[in-house]
Amino acid sequence: QVQLVESGGGLVQAGGSLRLSCAASGIISSLNAWAWYRQAPGQQRKMVAIIYSGGSTNDADSVKGRFTISRDNAKVAVYMQMNSLKPEDTAVYYCTHGVFWGQGTQVTVSS
């Protein structure tokens, strides 16, 4: 059974940085993309960034230039470096791999 476990969330002041990590256990396919989604209170879950098996990435316009997604195939993990955080980045962040989802990690940015 595949499990995804996120870590690295927390409380940070505006302008600060956080690094989210997501590690997978179980048998997964290296061909699948990894992605980070986020869901703010009262809003729909939205994709933040995605990284494909070949290493290409795509980011939401709202985080371009501030967030960077990366993957480590050897460790079966994905990361997201978040810089210049804004209060509107406050949300629960989820990692996904294929059809599998993590449990989410809370990111709160204070103004």
C-alpha atoms as a PDB file:
ATOM      1  CA  GLN A   1       0.000   0.000   0.000  1.00  0.00           C
ATOM      2  CA  VAL A   2       1.335   3.397  -0.988  1.00  0.00           C
ATOM      3  CA  GLN A   3       1.508   6.142   1.604  1.00  0.00           C
ATOM      4  CA  LEU A   4       2.557   9.754   1.122  1.00  0.00           C
ATOM      5  CA  VAL A   5       3.645  11.704   4.173  1.00  0.00           C
ATOM      6  CA  GLU A   6       4.125  15.466   4.055  1.00  0.00           C
ATOM      7  CA  SER A   7       6.198  17.498   6.473  1.00  0.00           C
ATOM      8  CA  GLY A   8       7.653  20.958   6.786  1.00  0.00           C
ATOM      9  CA  GLY A   9       4.548  23.052   7.252  1.00  0.00           C
ATOM     10  CA  GLY A  10       4.228  25.596  10.014  1.00  0.00           C
ATOM     11  CA  LEU A  11       3.743  29.222  10.929  1.00  0.00           C
ATOM     12  CA  VAL A  12       5.915  31.837   9.269  1.00  0.00           C
ATOM     13  CA  GLN A  13       5.844  35.593   8.862  1.00  0.00           C
ATOM     14  CA  ALA A  14       5.198  37.178   5.497  1.00  0.00           C
ATOM     15  CA  GLY A  15       8.374  37.247   3.457  1.00  0.00           C
ATOM     16  CA  GLY A  16       9.675  34.110   5.106  1.00  0.00           C
ATOM     17  CA  SER A  17      10.418  30.682   3.681  1.00  0.00           C
ATOM     18  CA  LEU A  18       9.417  27.083   4.245  1.00  0.00           C
ATOM     19  CA  ARG A  19      10.430  23.827   2.615  1.00  0.00           C
ATOM     20  CA  LEU A  20       7.804  21.136   2.289  1.00  0.00           C
ATOM     21  CA  SER A  21       8.768  17.505   1.910  1.00  0.00           C
ATOM     22  CA  CYS A  22       6.735  14.494   0.866  1.00  0.00           C
ATOM     23  CA  ALA A  23       8.050  10.983   1.165  1.00  0.00           C
ATOM     24  CA  ALA A  24       6.447   7.900  -0.325  1.00  0.00           C
ATOM     25  CA  SER A  25       6.425   4.369   0.990  1.00  0.00           C
ATOM     26  CA  GLY A  26       5.247   1.354  -0.953  1.00  0.00           C
ATOM     27  CA  ILE A  27       5.572   0.569  -4.631  1.00  0.00           C
ATOM     28  CA  ILE A  28       5.133   3.585  -6.859  1.00  0.00           C
ATOM     29  CA  SER A  29       5.868   4.305 -10.482  1.00  0.00           C
ATOM     30  CA  SER A  30       8.769   6.572 -11.369  1.00  0.00           C
ATOM     31  CA  LEU A  31       6.819   7.471 -14.500  1.00  0.00           C
ATOM     32  CA  ASN A  32       4.125   9.344 -12.599  1.00  0.00           C
ATOM     33  CA  ALA A  33       4.261  13.030 -11.936  1.00  0.00           C
ATOM     34  CA  TRP A  34       4.423  14.509  -8.474  1.00  0.00           C
ATOM     35  CA  ALA A  35       2.356  17.567  -7.632  1.00  0.00           C
ATOM     36  CA  TRP A  36       1.579  19.890  -4.777  1.00  0.00           C
ATOM     37  CA  TYR A  37      -1.950  21.165  -4.232  1.00  0.00           C
ATOM     38  CA  ARG A  38      -3.287  23.524  -1.627  1.00  0.00           C
ATOM     39  CA  GLN A  39      -6.671  24.246  -0.142  1.00  0.00           C
ATOM     40  CA  ALA A  40      -7.474  27.401   1.753  1.00  0.00           C
ATOM     41  CA  PRO A  41     -10.544  27.597   4.037  1.00  0.00           C
ATOM     42  CA  GLY A  42     -13.725  27.862   2.019  1.00  0.00           C
ATOM     43  CA  GLN A  43     -11.923  27.423  -1.279  1.00  0.00           C
ATOM     44  CA  GLN A  44     -11.435  24.605  -3.739  1.00  0.00           C
ATOM     45  CA  ARG A  45      -8.254  22.583  -3.799  1.00  0.00           C
ATOM     46  CA  LYS A  46      -5.915  23.946  -6.462  1.00  0.00           C
ATOM     47  CA  MET A  47      -2.691  22.727  -8.006  1.00  0.00           C
ATOM     48  CA  VAL A  48       0.357  24.730  -7.016  1.00  0.00           C
ATOM     49  CA  ALA A  49       3.167  22.982  -8.872  1.00  0.00           C
ATOM     50  CA  ILE A  50       3.848  19.783 -10.772  1.00  0.00           C
ATOM     51  CA  ILE A  51       7.019  17.968 -11.772  1.00  0.00           C
ATOM     52  CA  TYR A  52       7.025  15.267 -14.423  1.00  0.00           C
ATOM     53  CA  SER A  53       9.156  12.161 -14.637  1.00  0.00           C
ATOM     54  CA  GLY A  54      11.534  13.877 -17.049  1.00  0.00           C
ATOM     55  CA  GLY A  55      12.047  16.754 -14.639  1.00  0.00           C
ATOM     56  CA  SER A  56      10.020  19.443 -16.359  1.00  0.00           C
ATOM     57  CA  THR A  57       7.854  21.547 -14.095  1.00  0.00           C
ATOM     58  CA  ASN A  58       4.843  23.795 -14.213  1.00  0.00           C
ATOM     59  CA  ASP A  59       3.781  26.279 -11.563  1.00  0.00           C
ATOM     60  CA  ALA A  60       0.597  28.168 -10.858  1.00  0.00           C
ATOM     61  CA  ASP A  61       0.842  31.831 -11.791  1.00  0.00           C
ATOM     62  CA  SER A  62       0.312  32.830  -8.177  1.00  0.00           C
ATOM     63  CA  VAL A  63       3.575  31.174  -7.090  1.00  0.00           C
ATOM     64  CA  LYS A  64       5.812  31.640 -10.110  1.00  0.00           C
ATOM     65  CA  GLY A  65       9.227  32.881  -9.118  1.00  0.00           C
ATOM     66  CA  ARG A  66       8.599  32.132  -5.438  1.00  0.00           C
ATOM     67  CA  PHE A  67       8.017  28.365  -5.188  1.00  0.00           C
ATOM     68  CA  THR A  68      10.245  25.650  -6.609  1.00  0.00           C
ATOM     69  CA  ILE A  69       9.256  22.013  -6.872  1.00  0.00           C
ATOM     70  CA  SER A  70      11.890  19.289  -7.053  1.00  0.00           C
ATOM     71  CA  ARG A  71      12.011  15.519  -6.802  1.00  0.00           C
ATOM     72  CA  ASP A  72      14.459  12.897  -5.630  1.00  0.00           C
ATOM     73  CA  ASN A  73      13.788   9.628  -7.401  1.00  0.00           C
ATOM     74  CA  ALA A  74      16.313   7.754  -5.282  1.00  0.00           C
ATOM     75  CA  LYS A  75      14.560   8.802  -2.074  1.00  0.00           C
ATOM     76  CA  VAL A  76      11.114   8.602  -3.668  1.00  0.00           C
ATOM     77  CA  ALA A  77      10.323  12.089  -2.473  1.00  0.00           C
ATOM     78  CA  VAL A  78       9.215  15.479  -3.668  1.00  0.00           C
ATOM     79  CA  TYR A  79       9.953  18.862  -2.192  1.00  0.00           C
ATOM     80  CA  MET A  80       8.725  22.397  -2.552  1.00  0.00           C
ATOM     81  CA  GLN A  81      10.821  25.361  -1.551  1.00  0.00           C
ATOM     82  CA  MET A  82       8.544  28.290  -0.781  1.00  0.00           C
ATOM     83  CA  ASN A  83      10.104  31.734  -0.588  1.00  0.00           C
ATOM     84  CA  SER A  84       8.673  35.219  -0.177  1.00  0.00           C
ATOM     85  CA  LEU A  85       5.586  33.769   1.435  1.00  0.00           C
ATOM     86  CA  LYS A  86       2.423  35.845   1.538  1.00  0.00           C
ATOM     87  CA  PRO A  87      -0.637  35.626   3.809  1.00  0.00           C
ATOM     88  CA  GLU A  88      -2.640  34.399   0.811  1.00  0.00           C
ATOM     89  CA  ASP A  89      -0.383  31.326   0.679  1.00  0.00           C
ATOM     90  CA  THR A  90      -2.013  30.145   3.897  1.00  0.00           C
ATOM     91  CA  ALA A  91      -3.588  26.749   3.217  1.00  0.00           C
ATOM     92  CA  VAL A  92      -3.300  23.041   3.768  1.00  0.00           C
ATOM     93  CA  TYR A  93      -0.762  21.694   1.295  1.00  0.00           C
ATOM     94  CA  TYR A  94      -1.075  18.213  -0.159  1.00  0.00           C
ATOM     95  CA  CYS A  95       1.337  16.184  -2.244  1.00  0.00           C
ATOM     96  CA  THR A  96       0.118  13.755  -4.858  1.00  0.00           C
ATOM     97  CA  HIS A  97       1.720  11.006  -6.892  1.00  0.00           C
ATOM     98  CA  GLY A  98      -0.487   9.369  -9.485  1.00  0.00           C
ATOM     99  CA  VAL A  99      -3.753   8.601  -7.697  1.00  0.00           C
ATOM    100  CA  PHE A 100      -2.262   8.801  -4.214  1.00  0.00           C
ATOM    101  CA  TRP A 101      -2.582  11.759  -1.840  1.00  0.00           C
ATOM    102  CA  GLY A 102      -0.891  12.688   1.387  1.00  0.00           C
ATOM    103  CA  GLN A 103      -2.748  13.779   4.499  1.00  0.00           C
ATOM    104  CA  GLY A 104      -1.774  17.419   4.144  1.00  0.00           C
ATOM    105  CA  THR A 105       0.379  19.843   6.083  1.00  0.00           C
ATOM    106  CA  GLN A 106      -0.745  23.256   7.305  1.00  0.00           C
ATOM    107  CA  VAL A 107       1.083  26.368   6.169  1.00  0.00           C
ATOM    108  CA  THR A 108       0.136  29.614   7.874  1.00  0.00           C
ATOM    109  CA  VAL A 109       1.655  32.937   6.850  1.00  0.00           C
ATOM    110  CA  SER A 110       1.099  35.847   9.200  1.00  0.00           C
ATOM    111  CA  SER A 111       1.092  39.444   8.042  1.00  0.00           C
END
